[in-house]
């Protein structure tokens, strides 16, 4: 668990730094706006990529993966077969609970491409994609046979999340720092998921009394 906590320290520090810069309108914000002006070029492709971070798209993917993994674990008589899927659902519910107050706190305006408004930091679409696709990947990885299949799934997850972030910035829905901050937030939540599931697996391996009926 200690290595995971150490790995989580970096995204936490980055998230705090970025949030401070956004609230204080620091030098990173000016750089962020200049990068955005270079990258923004709304088109159909960027819009479709951004849409992969919609709740209506990402959450059903996680739900399907969670149900499938739970059914496989239940059939294999794995103790606490329901826990990974339940943990993923809780983390998914935490996304708006964390993002919405942060949007209100920072009150960051949007890019010139979107209608005048505030509350764009951090990116809810990015955080949704990271947690939904990340947890779905972690739920399915143990069920795959072969290194190449696992690698392909992991790379697909990374590619989708990079695509969502790129699409949001390219379309002008978010500033780059909005996306990077949500990647950091999502990494912390995914780390929490790994710790919960790993702890449960260790308890089961050590012979903690569990049953199929739990």
N, C-alpha and C. Protein backbone atom coordinates (compact mmCIF):
# COMPACT_ATOMS: atom_id res chain seq x y z
N UNK A 1 0.82 -1.21 0.00
CA UNK A 1 0.00 0.00 0.00
C UNK A 1 0.86 1.26 0.00
N UNK A 2 2.02 1.20 0.65
CA UNK A 2 2.91 2.36 0.71
C UNK A 2 3.35 2.83 -0.67
N UNK A 3 3.75 1.92 -1.60
CA UNK A 3 4.12 2.38 -2.94
C UNK A 3 2.98 3.12 -3.64
N UNK A 4 1.74 2.65 -3.45
CA UNK A 4 0.60 3.32 -4.07
C UNK A 4 0.43 4.73 -3.50
N UNK A 5 0.58 4.85 -2.18
CA UNK A 5 0.46 6.16 -1.54
C UNK A 5 1.53 7.12 -2.05
N UNK A 6 2.75 6.60 -2.23
CA UNK A 6 3.82 7.45 -2.73
C UNK A 6 3.54 7.90 -4.16
N UNK A 7 2.99 6.99 -4.97
CA UNK A 7 2.64 7.34 -6.35
C UNK A 7 1.53 8.39 -6.39
N UNK A 8 0.62 8.34 -5.43
CA UNK A 8 -0.48 9.29 -5.39
C UNK A 8 -0.03 10.68 -4.97
N UNK A 9 1.13 10.77 -4.34
CA UNK A 9 1.61 12.07 -3.87
C UNK A 9 1.83 13.04 -5.03
N UNK A 10 2.35 12.54 -6.17
CA UNK A 10 2.63 13.41 -7.32
C UNK A 10 1.36 14.05 -7.88
N UNK A 11 0.31 13.28 -8.21
CA UNK A 11 -0.90 13.94 -8.72
C UNK A 11 -1.55 14.87 -7.71
N UNK A 12 -1.45 14.56 -6.42
CA UNK A 12 -2.01 15.44 -5.40
C UNK A 12 -1.28 16.78 -5.41
N UNK A 13 0.04 16.72 -5.44
CA UNK A 13 0.84 17.96 -5.46
C UNK A 13 0.55 18.77 -6.73
N UNK A 14 0.50 18.10 -7.87
CA UNK A 14 0.21 18.78 -9.12
C UNK A 14 -1.17 19.43 -9.10
N UNK A 15 -2.14 18.70 -8.56
CA UNK A 15 -3.50 19.23 -8.52
C UNK A 15 -3.57 20.48 -7.63
N UNK A 16 -2.92 20.42 -6.48
CA UNK A 16 -2.89 21.58 -5.58
C UNK A 16 -2.21 22.77 -6.25
N UNK A 17 -1.09 22.51 -6.93
CA UNK A 17 -0.36 23.57 -7.61
C UNK A 17 -1.20 24.22 -8.70
N UNK A 18 -1.84 23.39 -9.53
CA UNK A 18 -2.65 23.93 -10.62
C UNK A 18 -3.84 24.72 -10.08
N UNK A 19 -4.49 24.17 -9.06
CA UNK A 19 -5.64 24.87 -8.47
C UNK A 19 -5.24 26.22 -7.90
N UNK A 20 -4.10 26.25 -7.23
CA UNK A 20 -3.60 27.51 -6.68
C UNK A 20 -3.35 28.52 -7.79
N UNK A 21 -2.75 28.08 -8.90
CA UNK A 21 -2.48 28.97 -10.01
C UNK A 21 -3.76 29.50 -10.64
N UNK A 22 -4.77 28.65 -10.74
CA UNK A 22 -6.05 29.07 -11.32
C UNK A 22 -6.73 30.10 -10.42
N UNK A 23 -6.76 29.83 -9.13
CA UNK A 23 -7.41 30.75 -8.19
C UNK A 23 -6.66 32.08 -8.12
N UNK A 24 -5.31 32.00 -8.13
CA UNK A 24 -4.50 33.22 -7.98
C UNK A 24 -4.21 33.89 -9.32
N UNK A 25 -4.70 33.29 -10.42
CA UNK A 25 -4.43 33.82 -11.76
C UNK A 25 -2.92 33.96 -11.97
N UNK A 26 -2.20 32.89 -11.65
CA UNK A 26 -0.75 32.89 -11.71
C UNK A 26 -0.19 32.73 -13.11
N UNK A 27 1.14 32.65 -13.22
CA UNK A 27 1.81 32.54 -14.52
C UNK A 27 1.37 31.33 -15.34
N UNK A 28 1.04 30.22 -14.66
CA UNK A 28 0.61 29.03 -15.40
C UNK A 28 -0.69 29.28 -16.18
N UNK A 29 -1.53 30.16 -15.65
CA UNK A 29 -2.79 30.47 -16.32
C UNK A 29 -2.53 31.19 -17.63
N UNK A 30 -1.58 32.12 -17.63
CA UNK A 30 -1.24 32.81 -18.87
C UNK A 30 -0.68 31.86 -19.91
N UNK A 31 0.20 30.96 -19.47
CA UNK A 31 0.74 29.95 -20.38
C UNK A 31 -0.36 29.04 -20.90
N UNK A 32 -1.27 28.67 -20.01
CA UNK A 32 -2.40 27.81 -20.37
C UNK A 32 -3.24 28.45 -21.47
N UNK A 33 -3.50 29.72 -21.35
CA UNK A 33 -4.33 30.43 -22.33
C UNK A 33 -3.62 30.54 -23.68
N UNK A 34 -2.30 30.74 -23.64
CA UNK A 34 -1.55 30.80 -24.90
C UNK A 34 -1.55 29.45 -25.61
N UNK A 35 -1.38 28.38 -24.85
CA UNK A 35 -1.42 27.03 -25.43
C UNK A 35 -2.80 26.74 -26.02
N UNK A 36 -3.83 27.17 -25.32
CA UNK A 36 -5.19 26.95 -25.80
C UNK A 36 -5.43 27.64 -27.14
N UNK A 37 -4.93 28.87 -27.28
CA UNK A 37 -5.13 29.60 -28.53
C UNK A 37 -4.47 28.87 -29.71
N UNK A 38 -3.37 28.18 -29.44
CA UNK A 38 -2.69 27.43 -30.49
C UNK A 38 -3.45 26.15 -30.84
N UNK A 39 -4.02 25.49 -29.83
CA UNK A 39 -4.62 24.17 -30.04
C UNK A 39 -6.08 24.23 -30.48
N UNK A 40 -6.80 25.26 -30.10
CA UNK A 40 -8.24 25.28 -30.38
C UNK A 40 -8.50 25.36 -31.89
N UNK A 41 -9.25 24.40 -32.36
CA UNK A 41 -9.70 24.37 -33.76
C UNK A 41 -10.91 23.44 -33.82
N UNK A 42 -12.08 23.94 -33.46
CA UNK A 42 -13.27 23.08 -33.37
C UNK A 42 -13.56 22.35 -34.68
N UNK A 43 -13.78 21.05 -34.54
CA UNK A 43 -14.19 20.24 -35.68
C UNK A 43 -15.00 19.06 -35.17
N UNK A 44 -15.54 18.29 -36.08
CA UNK A 44 -16.41 17.17 -35.72
C UNK A 44 -15.65 16.10 -34.95
N UNK A 45 -14.41 15.84 -35.35
CA UNK A 45 -13.62 14.80 -34.70
C UNK A 45 -13.37 15.14 -33.22
N UNK A 46 -12.98 16.38 -32.95
CA UNK A 46 -12.71 16.78 -31.56
C UNK A 46 -13.99 16.72 -30.73
N UNK A 47 -15.12 17.04 -31.34
CA UNK A 47 -16.38 16.96 -30.61
C UNK A 47 -16.74 15.52 -30.24
N UNK A 48 -16.51 14.61 -31.19
CA UNK A 48 -16.79 13.19 -30.92
C UNK A 48 -15.88 12.65 -29.83
N UNK A 49 -14.61 13.05 -29.85
CA UNK A 49 -13.68 12.61 -28.80
C UNK A 49 -14.11 13.15 -27.44
N UNK A 50 -14.51 14.41 -27.41
CA UNK A 50 -14.97 15.01 -26.15
C UNK A 50 -16.21 14.30 -25.62
N UNK A 51 -17.06 13.86 -26.53
CA UNK A 51 -18.31 13.19 -26.13
C UNK A 51 -18.06 11.86 -25.41
N UNK A 52 -16.88 11.28 -25.59
CA UNK A 52 -16.57 10.03 -24.89
C UNK A 52 -16.48 10.25 -23.39
N UNK A 53 -16.36 11.50 -22.96
CA UNK A 53 -16.36 11.81 -21.54
C UNK A 53 -17.74 12.11 -20.97
N UNK A 54 -18.77 12.05 -21.83
CA UNK A 54 -20.13 12.25 -21.35
C UNK A 54 -20.54 11.15 -20.37
N UNK A 55 -21.30 11.51 -19.37
CA UNK A 55 -21.83 10.51 -18.43
C UNK A 55 -22.61 9.44 -19.16
N UNK A 56 -23.39 9.85 -20.16
CA UNK A 56 -24.25 8.91 -20.89
C UNK A 56 -23.45 7.86 -21.66
N UNK A 57 -22.18 8.15 -21.93
CA UNK A 57 -21.32 7.19 -22.65
C UNK A 57 -20.43 6.41 -21.69
N UNK A 58 -19.73 7.14 -20.81
CA UNK A 58 -18.72 6.50 -19.96
C UNK A 58 -19.31 5.63 -18.86
N UNK A 59 -20.36 6.11 -18.21
CA UNK A 59 -20.92 5.36 -17.08
C UNK A 59 -21.50 4.01 -17.51
N UNK A 60 -22.25 3.91 -18.63
CA UNK A 60 -22.71 2.59 -19.06
C UNK A 60 -21.56 1.62 -19.34
N UNK A 61 -20.44 2.11 -19.86
CA UNK A 61 -19.28 1.24 -20.08
C UNK A 61 -18.80 0.66 -18.76
N UNK A 62 -18.70 1.52 -17.74
CA UNK A 62 -18.29 1.05 -16.42
C UNK A 62 -19.30 0.07 -15.85
N UNK A 63 -20.58 0.37 -16.00
CA UNK A 63 -21.62 -0.51 -15.46
C UNK A 63 -21.56 -1.90 -16.09
N UNK A 64 -21.37 -1.96 -17.41
CA UNK A 64 -21.28 -3.25 -18.10
C UNK A 64 -20.06 -4.03 -17.61
N UNK A 65 -18.93 -3.35 -17.48
CA UNK A 65 -17.71 -4.02 -17.00
C UNK A 65 -17.88 -4.51 -15.57
N UNK A 66 -18.52 -3.70 -14.73
CA UNK A 66 -18.71 -4.08 -13.32
C UNK A 66 -19.63 -5.30 -13.19
N UNK A 67 -20.72 -5.31 -13.95
CA UNK A 67 -21.65 -6.44 -13.90
C UNK A 67 -20.98 -7.71 -14.42
N UNK A 68 -20.25 -7.58 -15.53
CA UNK A 68 -19.58 -8.74 -16.10
C UNK A 68 -18.53 -9.31 -15.14
N UNK A 69 -17.72 -8.43 -14.56
CA UNK A 69 -16.69 -8.88 -13.62
C UNK A 69 -17.30 -9.51 -12.38
N UNK A 70 -18.40 -8.93 -11.90
CA UNK A 70 -19.07 -9.47 -10.71
C UNK A 70 -19.65 -10.86 -10.99
N UNK A 71 -20.24 -11.03 -12.16
CA UNK A 71 -20.80 -12.34 -12.52
C UNK A 71 -19.71 -13.40 -12.64
N UNK A 72 -18.57 -13.02 -13.22
CA UNK A 72 -17.46 -13.97 -13.34
C UNK A 72 -16.91 -14.34 -11.96
N UNK A 73 -16.78 -13.35 -11.08
CA UNK A 73 -16.27 -13.61 -9.73
C UNK A 73 -17.25 -14.45 -8.93
N UNK A 74 -18.55 -14.17 -9.08
CA UNK A 74 -19.58 -14.93 -8.37
C UNK A 74 -19.58 -16.40 -8.83
N UNK A 75 -19.45 -16.59 -10.16
CA UNK A 75 -19.43 -17.95 -10.70
C UNK A 75 -18.20 -18.72 -10.23
N UNK A 76 -17.10 -18.00 -10.01
CA UNK A 76 -15.87 -18.64 -9.55
C UNK A 76 -15.81 -18.76 -8.04
N UNK A 77 -16.90 -18.37 -7.37
CA UNK A 77 -17.00 -18.44 -5.91
C UNK A 77 -15.88 -17.63 -5.23
N UNK A 78 -15.62 -16.45 -5.78
CA UNK A 78 -14.63 -15.55 -5.20
C UNK A 78 -15.25 -14.81 -4.03
N UNK A 79 -14.55 -14.74 -2.91
CA UNK A 79 -15.05 -14.01 -1.76
C UNK A 79 -15.19 -12.52 -2.07
N UNK A 80 -16.24 -11.94 -1.53
CA UNK A 80 -16.52 -10.52 -1.76
C UNK A 80 -16.50 -10.17 -3.25
N UNK A 81 -17.17 -10.99 -4.02
CA UNK A 81 -17.20 -10.81 -5.46
C UNK A 81 -17.81 -9.47 -5.86
N UNK A 82 -18.61 -8.90 -4.99
CA UNK A 82 -19.31 -7.65 -5.28
C UNK A 82 -18.47 -6.40 -5.01
N UNK A 83 -17.38 -6.54 -4.26
CA UNK A 83 -16.66 -5.36 -3.78
C UNK A 83 -16.02 -4.51 -4.88
N UNK A 84 -15.29 -5.06 -5.85
CA UNK A 84 -14.68 -4.20 -6.87
C UNK A 84 -15.71 -3.36 -7.63
N UNK A 85 -16.81 -3.98 -8.03
CA UNK A 85 -17.84 -3.23 -8.75
C UNK A 85 -18.47 -2.16 -7.89
N UNK A 86 -18.71 -2.49 -6.61
CA UNK A 86 -19.29 -1.51 -5.69
C UNK A 86 -18.34 -0.35 -5.46
N UNK A 87 -17.05 -0.65 -5.32
CA UNK A 87 -16.05 0.41 -5.12
C UNK A 87 -15.98 1.33 -6.33
N UNK A 88 -16.07 0.74 -7.52
CA UNK A 88 -16.05 1.55 -8.74
C UNK A 88 -17.27 2.46 -8.81
N UNK A 89 -18.43 1.94 -8.41
CA UNK A 89 -19.65 2.74 -8.43
C UNK A 89 -19.56 3.91 -7.45
N UNK A 90 -18.99 3.65 -6.27
CA UNK A 90 -18.83 4.72 -5.27
C UNK A 90 -17.90 5.80 -5.80
N UNK A 91 -16.79 5.40 -6.42
CA UNK A 91 -15.86 6.38 -6.97
C UNK A 91 -16.50 7.19 -8.07
N UNK A 92 -17.32 6.54 -8.89
CA UNK A 92 -18.00 7.26 -9.95
C UNK A 92 -18.95 8.31 -9.38
N UNK A 93 -19.61 7.96 -8.28
CA UNK A 93 -20.51 8.91 -7.63
C UNK A 93 -19.75 10.06 -6.98
N UNK A 94 -18.49 9.81 -6.60
CA UNK A 94 -17.68 10.84 -5.97
C UNK A 94 -17.23 11.92 -6.96
N UNK A 95 -17.20 11.59 -8.24
CA UNK A 95 -16.71 12.55 -9.24
C UNK A 95 -17.49 13.85 -9.20
N UNK A 96 -18.82 13.83 -9.38
CA UNK A 96 -19.54 15.11 -9.30
C UNK A 96 -19.50 15.72 -7.91
N UNK A 97 -19.45 14.88 -6.88
CA UNK A 97 -19.40 15.41 -5.50
C UNK A 97 -18.12 16.20 -5.25
N UNK A 98 -17.04 15.87 -5.97
CA UNK A 98 -15.78 16.59 -5.82
C UNK A 98 -15.66 17.72 -6.85
N UNK A 99 -16.07 17.45 -8.08
CA UNK A 99 -15.85 18.41 -9.15
C UNK A 99 -16.74 19.64 -9.03
N UNK A 100 -18.01 19.44 -8.71
CA UNK A 100 -18.95 20.57 -8.65
C UNK A 100 -18.53 21.63 -7.63
N UNK A 101 -18.19 21.26 -6.39
CA UNK A 101 -17.73 22.29 -5.45
C UNK A 101 -16.45 22.99 -5.91
N UNK A 102 -15.55 22.24 -6.55
CA UNK A 102 -14.32 22.85 -7.06
C UNK A 102 -14.62 23.86 -8.16
N UNK A 103 -15.59 23.55 -9.01
CA UNK A 103 -16.00 24.49 -10.05
C UNK A 103 -16.52 25.79 -9.43
N UNK A 104 -17.32 25.65 -8.38
CA UNK A 104 -17.87 26.83 -7.73
C UNK A 104 -16.78 27.62 -7.01
N UNK A 105 -15.82 26.91 -6.44
CA UNK A 105 -14.74 27.57 -5.70
C UNK A 105 -13.83 28.37 -6.63
N UNK A 106 -13.42 27.75 -7.73
CA UNK A 106 -12.47 28.40 -8.64
C UNK A 106 -13.15 29.40 -9.57
N UNK A 107 -14.40 29.10 -9.98
CA UNK A 107 -15.19 30.03 -10.79
C UNK A 107 -14.43 30.48 -12.04
N UNK A 108 -13.76 29.53 -12.69
CA UNK A 108 -12.95 29.89 -13.86
C UNK A 108 -13.81 30.06 -15.10
N UNK A 109 -13.59 31.15 -15.86
CA UNK A 109 -14.35 31.32 -17.10
C UNK A 109 -13.89 30.35 -18.17
N UNK A 110 -14.74 30.15 -19.18
CA UNK A 110 -14.40 29.25 -20.26
C UNK A 110 -13.56 29.91 -21.33
N UNK A 111 -13.22 29.16 -22.35
CA UNK A 111 -12.43 29.68 -23.46
C UNK A 111 -13.30 30.61 -24.30
N UNK A 112 -12.68 31.41 -25.19
CA UNK A 112 -13.46 32.30 -26.06
C UNK A 112 -14.42 31.56 -26.99
N UNK A 113 -14.21 30.26 -27.17
CA UNK A 113 -15.05 29.50 -28.10
C UNK A 113 -16.43 29.21 -27.52
N UNK A 114 -16.52 29.07 -26.20
CA UNK A 114 -17.78 28.71 -25.56
C UNK A 114 -18.52 29.97 -25.10
N UNK A 115 -19.84 29.86 -24.87
CA UNK A 115 -20.60 31.02 -24.38
C UNK A 115 -20.05 31.51 -23.05
N UNK A 116 -20.15 32.82 -22.78
CA UNK A 116 -19.64 33.37 -21.51
C UNK A 116 -20.27 32.68 -20.30
N UNK A 117 -19.43 32.12 -19.47
CA UNK A 117 -19.89 31.43 -18.25
C UNK A 117 -18.66 31.15 -17.40
N UNK A 118 -18.89 30.64 -16.19
CA UNK A 118 -17.79 30.26 -15.32
C UNK A 118 -18.01 28.84 -14.82
N UNK A 119 -17.04 28.33 -14.07
CA UNK A 119 -17.15 26.98 -13.53
C UNK A 119 -16.60 25.91 -14.45
N UNK A 120 -15.52 26.24 -15.15
CA UNK A 120 -14.95 25.28 -16.09
C UNK A 120 -13.80 24.46 -15.49
N UNK A 121 -13.38 24.82 -14.28
CA UNK A 121 -12.25 24.10 -13.67
C UNK A 121 -12.71 23.35 -12.43
N UNK A 122 -12.36 22.06 -12.31
CA UNK A 122 -11.69 21.20 -13.31
C UNK A 122 -12.71 20.64 -14.30
N UNK A 123 -12.23 19.86 -15.24
CA UNK A 123 -13.10 19.30 -16.27
C UNK A 123 -13.85 18.07 -15.76
N UNK A 124 -15.17 18.17 -15.71
CA UNK A 124 -15.98 17.04 -15.28
C UNK A 124 -15.94 15.89 -16.27
N UNK A 125 -15.91 16.23 -17.57
CA UNK A 125 -15.86 15.17 -18.59
C UNK A 125 -14.57 14.36 -18.46
N UNK A 126 -13.46 15.06 -18.21
CA UNK A 126 -12.18 14.36 -18.08
C UNK A 126 -12.18 13.44 -16.86
N UNK A 127 -12.63 13.96 -15.73
CA UNK A 127 -12.67 13.15 -14.51
C UNK A 127 -13.59 11.95 -14.67
N UNK A 128 -14.73 12.16 -15.33
CA UNK A 128 -15.65 11.06 -15.57
C UNK A 128 -15.00 9.98 -16.42
N UNK A 129 -14.30 10.39 -17.47
CA UNK A 129 -13.65 9.43 -18.35
C UNK A 129 -12.56 8.65 -17.63
N UNK A 130 -11.74 9.35 -16.85
CA UNK A 130 -10.64 8.68 -16.15
C UNK A 130 -11.17 7.61 -15.21
N UNK A 131 -12.16 7.97 -14.40
CA UNK A 131 -12.69 7.03 -13.41
C UNK A 131 -13.46 5.90 -14.09
N UNK A 132 -14.33 6.23 -15.03
CA UNK A 132 -15.16 5.20 -15.67
C UNK A 132 -14.32 4.22 -16.47
N UNK A 133 -13.50 4.72 -17.39
CA UNK A 133 -12.71 3.83 -18.23
C UNK A 133 -11.55 3.19 -17.45
N UNK A 134 -11.01 3.94 -16.49
CA UNK A 134 -9.93 3.38 -15.68
C UNK A 134 -10.40 2.23 -14.82
N UNK A 135 -11.52 2.43 -14.12
CA UNK A 135 -12.05 1.35 -13.27
C UNK A 135 -12.51 0.17 -14.12
N UNK A 136 -13.14 0.45 -15.26
CA UNK A 136 -13.58 -0.64 -16.14
C UNK A 136 -12.38 -1.49 -16.58
N UNK A 137 -11.29 -0.82 -16.91
CA UNK A 137 -10.08 -1.54 -17.32
C UNK A 137 -9.53 -2.40 -16.18
N UNK A 138 -9.47 -1.84 -14.98
CA UNK A 138 -8.95 -2.59 -13.84
C UNK A 138 -9.86 -3.76 -13.46
N UNK A 139 -11.16 -3.62 -13.69
CA UNK A 139 -12.08 -4.71 -13.42
C UNK A 139 -11.91 -5.86 -14.41
N UNK A 140 -11.58 -5.51 -15.65
CA UNK A 140 -11.51 -6.54 -16.69
C UNK A 140 -10.13 -7.16 -16.84
N UNK A 141 -9.09 -6.44 -16.44
CA UNK A 141 -7.72 -6.96 -16.63
C UNK A 141 -7.51 -8.35 -16.04
N UNK A 142 -7.97 -8.63 -14.80
CA UNK A 142 -7.73 -9.98 -14.25
C UNK A 142 -8.45 -11.09 -15.00
N UNK A 143 -9.44 -10.72 -15.81
CA UNK A 143 -10.23 -11.73 -16.52
C UNK A 143 -9.63 -12.09 -17.87
N UNK A 144 -8.64 -11.31 -18.30
CA UNK A 144 -8.03 -11.56 -19.61
C UNK A 144 -6.86 -12.53 -19.50
N UNK A 145 -6.70 -13.35 -20.52
CA UNK A 145 -5.60 -14.30 -20.56
C UNK A 145 -4.56 -13.81 -21.56
N UNK A 146 -3.34 -13.74 -21.14
CA UNK A 146 -2.27 -13.33 -22.05
C UNK A 146 -1.84 -11.89 -21.82
N UNK A 147 -0.54 -11.69 -21.90
CA UNK A 147 0.03 -10.36 -21.68
C UNK A 147 -0.41 -9.38 -22.75
N UNK A 148 -0.49 -9.82 -23.99
CA UNK A 148 -0.83 -8.92 -25.08
C UNK A 148 -2.26 -8.39 -24.95
N UNK A 149 -3.17 -9.24 -24.52
CA UNK A 149 -4.55 -8.81 -24.35
C UNK A 149 -4.66 -7.76 -23.25
N UNK A 150 -3.96 -8.00 -22.15
CA UNK A 150 -3.98 -7.03 -21.05
C UNK A 150 -3.35 -5.71 -21.47
N UNK A 151 -2.23 -5.83 -22.19
CA UNK A 151 -1.55 -4.63 -22.65
C UNK A 151 -2.45 -3.83 -23.59
N UNK A 152 -3.12 -4.53 -24.49
CA UNK A 152 -3.99 -3.86 -25.46
C UNK A 152 -5.12 -3.12 -24.75
N UNK A 153 -5.70 -3.75 -23.72
CA UNK A 153 -6.79 -3.11 -22.98
C UNK A 153 -6.28 -1.87 -22.25
N UNK A 154 -5.12 -1.99 -21.61
CA UNK A 154 -4.55 -0.85 -20.89
C UNK A 154 -4.23 0.30 -21.84
N UNK A 155 -3.65 -0.02 -23.00
CA UNK A 155 -3.32 1.02 -23.98
C UNK A 155 -4.59 1.67 -24.53
N UNK A 156 -5.62 0.87 -24.72
CA UNK A 156 -6.90 1.41 -25.19
C UNK A 156 -7.47 2.40 -24.18
N UNK A 157 -7.37 2.07 -22.90
CA UNK A 157 -7.85 2.96 -21.84
C UNK A 157 -7.07 4.29 -21.86
N UNK A 158 -5.76 4.21 -21.97
CA UNK A 158 -4.93 5.41 -22.03
C UNK A 158 -5.27 6.25 -23.26
N UNK A 159 -5.43 5.56 -24.41
CA UNK A 159 -5.72 6.26 -25.65
C UNK A 159 -7.07 6.98 -25.58
N UNK A 160 -8.07 6.33 -25.01
CA UNK A 160 -9.39 6.95 -24.89
C UNK A 160 -9.33 8.19 -24.01
N UNK A 161 -8.64 8.09 -22.89
CA UNK A 161 -8.55 9.23 -21.98
C UNK A 161 -7.75 10.38 -22.59
N UNK A 162 -6.67 10.06 -23.29
CA UNK A 162 -5.94 11.10 -24.00
C UNK A 162 -6.81 11.73 -25.08
N UNK A 163 -7.59 10.89 -25.75
CA UNK A 163 -8.48 11.40 -26.78
C UNK A 163 -9.54 12.33 -26.23
N UNK A 164 -10.11 11.98 -25.09
CA UNK A 164 -11.12 12.84 -24.46
C UNK A 164 -10.49 14.19 -24.11
N UNK A 165 -9.31 14.16 -23.48
CA UNK A 165 -8.66 15.40 -23.11
C UNK A 165 -8.32 16.26 -24.31
N UNK A 166 -7.78 15.62 -25.35
CA UNK A 166 -7.45 16.35 -26.57
C UNK A 166 -8.71 16.94 -27.20
N UNK A 167 -9.77 16.16 -27.26
CA UNK A 167 -11.01 16.63 -27.86
C UNK A 167 -11.58 17.83 -27.13
N UNK A 168 -11.54 17.80 -25.80
CA UNK A 168 -12.08 18.91 -25.01
C UNK A 168 -11.29 20.19 -25.25
N UNK A 169 -9.97 20.06 -25.34
CA UNK A 169 -9.12 21.24 -25.57
C UNK A 169 -9.23 21.72 -27.02
N UNK A 170 -9.18 20.78 -27.95
CA UNK A 170 -9.25 21.13 -29.37
C UNK A 170 -10.58 21.79 -29.72
N UNK A 171 -11.65 21.27 -29.13
CA UNK A 171 -12.98 21.84 -29.39
C UNK A 171 -13.18 23.17 -28.67
N UNK A 172 -12.35 23.44 -27.65
CA UNK A 172 -12.49 24.68 -26.90
C UNK A 172 -13.43 24.58 -25.73
N UNK A 173 -13.84 23.36 -25.38
CA UNK A 173 -14.72 23.18 -24.24
C UNK A 173 -14.00 23.45 -22.91
N UNK A 174 -12.68 23.23 -22.90
CA UNK A 174 -11.89 23.41 -21.68
C UNK A 174 -10.51 23.94 -21.99
N UNK A 175 -9.93 24.65 -21.01
CA UNK A 175 -8.52 25.00 -21.06
C UNK A 175 -7.69 23.75 -20.79
N UNK A 176 -6.45 23.70 -21.29
CA UNK A 176 -5.60 22.53 -21.02
C UNK A 176 -5.44 22.22 -19.53
N UNK A 177 -5.28 23.23 -18.68
CA UNK A 177 -5.09 22.98 -17.25
C UNK A 177 -6.34 22.36 -16.62
N UNK A 178 -7.52 22.65 -17.15
CA UNK A 178 -8.74 22.02 -16.65
C UNK A 178 -8.64 20.50 -16.81
N UNK A 179 -8.12 20.09 -17.96
CA UNK A 179 -7.99 18.67 -18.27
C UNK A 179 -6.90 18.02 -17.43
N UNK A 180 -5.73 18.67 -17.35
CA UNK A 180 -4.62 18.11 -16.60
C UNK A 180 -4.98 17.95 -15.13
N UNK A 181 -5.67 18.93 -14.58
CA UNK A 181 -6.08 18.85 -13.17
C UNK A 181 -7.02 17.67 -12.94
N UNK A 182 -7.92 17.44 -13.87
CA UNK A 182 -8.85 16.31 -13.73
C UNK A 182 -8.15 14.98 -13.91
N UNK A 183 -7.12 14.95 -14.75
CA UNK A 183 -6.30 13.73 -14.82
C UNK A 183 -5.67 13.43 -13.47
N UNK A 184 -5.19 14.47 -12.80
CA UNK A 184 -4.59 14.29 -11.47
C UNK A 184 -5.63 13.81 -10.47
N UNK A 185 -6.80 14.44 -10.49
CA UNK A 185 -7.87 14.03 -9.58
C UNK A 185 -8.30 12.60 -9.85
N UNK A 186 -8.44 12.26 -11.12
CA UNK A 186 -8.82 10.90 -11.49
C UNK A 186 -7.77 9.88 -11.07
N UNK A 187 -6.50 10.24 -11.18
CA UNK A 187 -5.43 9.33 -10.77
C UNK A 187 -5.52 9.02 -9.28
N UNK A 188 -5.85 10.02 -8.48
CA UNK A 188 -6.00 9.80 -7.04
C UNK A 188 -7.16 8.86 -6.77
N UNK A 189 -8.28 9.07 -7.44
CA UNK A 189 -9.44 8.20 -7.23
C UNK A 189 -9.16 6.77 -7.69
N UNK A 190 -8.47 6.63 -8.82
CA UNK A 190 -8.11 5.29 -9.29
C UNK A 190 -7.16 4.62 -8.31
N UNK A 191 -6.25 5.39 -7.73
CA UNK A 191 -5.34 4.84 -6.72
C UNK A 191 -6.10 4.33 -5.51
N UNK A 192 -7.13 5.07 -5.10
CA UNK A 192 -7.97 4.62 -3.98
C UNK A 192 -8.68 3.31 -4.33
N UNK A 193 -9.13 3.21 -5.57
CA UNK A 193 -9.78 1.97 -6.03
C UNK A 193 -8.81 0.79 -5.95
N UNK A 194 -7.59 1.00 -6.40
CA UNK A 194 -6.58 -0.07 -6.37
C UNK A 194 -6.31 -0.50 -4.93
N UNK A 195 -6.20 0.45 -4.02
CA UNK A 195 -5.93 0.11 -2.62
C UNK A 195 -7.06 -0.70 -2.00
N UNK A 196 -8.30 -0.30 -2.27
CA UNK A 196 -9.45 -1.01 -1.71
C UNK A 196 -9.52 -2.44 -2.24
N UNK A 197 -9.38 -2.59 -3.56
CA UNK A 197 -9.49 -3.91 -4.16
C UNK A 197 -8.30 -4.80 -3.75
N UNK A 198 -7.09 -4.22 -3.71
CA UNK A 198 -5.91 -4.99 -3.33
C UNK A 198 -6.02 -5.47 -1.89
N UNK A 199 -6.52 -4.61 -1.02
CA UNK A 199 -6.67 -5.00 0.39
C UNK A 199 -7.66 -6.14 0.53
N UNK A 200 -8.75 -6.07 -0.22
CA UNK A 200 -9.74 -7.14 -0.16
C UNK A 200 -9.17 -8.45 -0.69
N UNK A 201 -8.37 -8.36 -1.77
CA UNK A 201 -7.78 -9.57 -2.35
C UNK A 201 -6.79 -10.21 -1.39
N UNK A 202 -6.01 -9.37 -0.68
CA UNK A 202 -5.05 -9.92 0.27
C UNK A 202 -5.75 -10.62 1.42
N UNK A 203 -6.86 -10.04 1.88
CA UNK A 203 -7.61 -10.66 2.97
C UNK A 203 -8.19 -12.00 2.54
N UNK A 204 -8.66 -12.05 1.29
CA UNK A 204 -9.22 -13.31 0.79
C UNK A 204 -8.12 -14.36 0.65
N UNK A 205 -6.93 -13.94 0.17
CA UNK A 205 -5.82 -14.88 0.01
C UNK A 205 -5.32 -15.40 1.35
N UNK A 206 -5.45 -14.56 2.39
CA UNK A 206 -4.98 -14.95 3.72
C UNK A 206 -5.98 -15.84 4.44
N UNK A 207 -7.10 -16.08 3.80
CA UNK A 207 -8.08 -16.99 4.40
C UNK A 207 -9.13 -16.30 5.24
N UNK A 208 -9.36 -15.02 4.98
CA UNK A 208 -10.44 -14.33 5.70
C UNK A 208 -11.75 -14.97 5.32
N UNK A 209 -12.59 -15.28 6.30
CA UNK A 209 -13.85 -15.93 6.02
C UNK A 209 -14.71 -15.10 5.10
N UNK A 210 -14.95 -15.59 3.92
CA UNK A 210 -15.86 -14.96 2.95
C UNK A 210 -16.72 -16.06 2.37
N UNK A 211 -17.82 -15.70 1.85
CA UNK A 211 -18.68 -16.71 1.23
C UNK A 211 -19.34 -16.12 0.00
N UNK A 212 -19.84 -17.01 -0.83
CA UNK A 212 -20.50 -16.60 -2.05
C UNK A 212 -21.74 -15.77 -1.78
N UNK A 213 -22.33 -15.95 -0.63
CA UNK A 213 -23.57 -15.26 -0.31
C UNK A 213 -23.36 -13.84 0.17
N UNK A 214 -22.10 -13.42 0.40
CA UNK A 214 -21.84 -12.08 0.92
C UNK A 214 -22.17 -11.02 -0.11
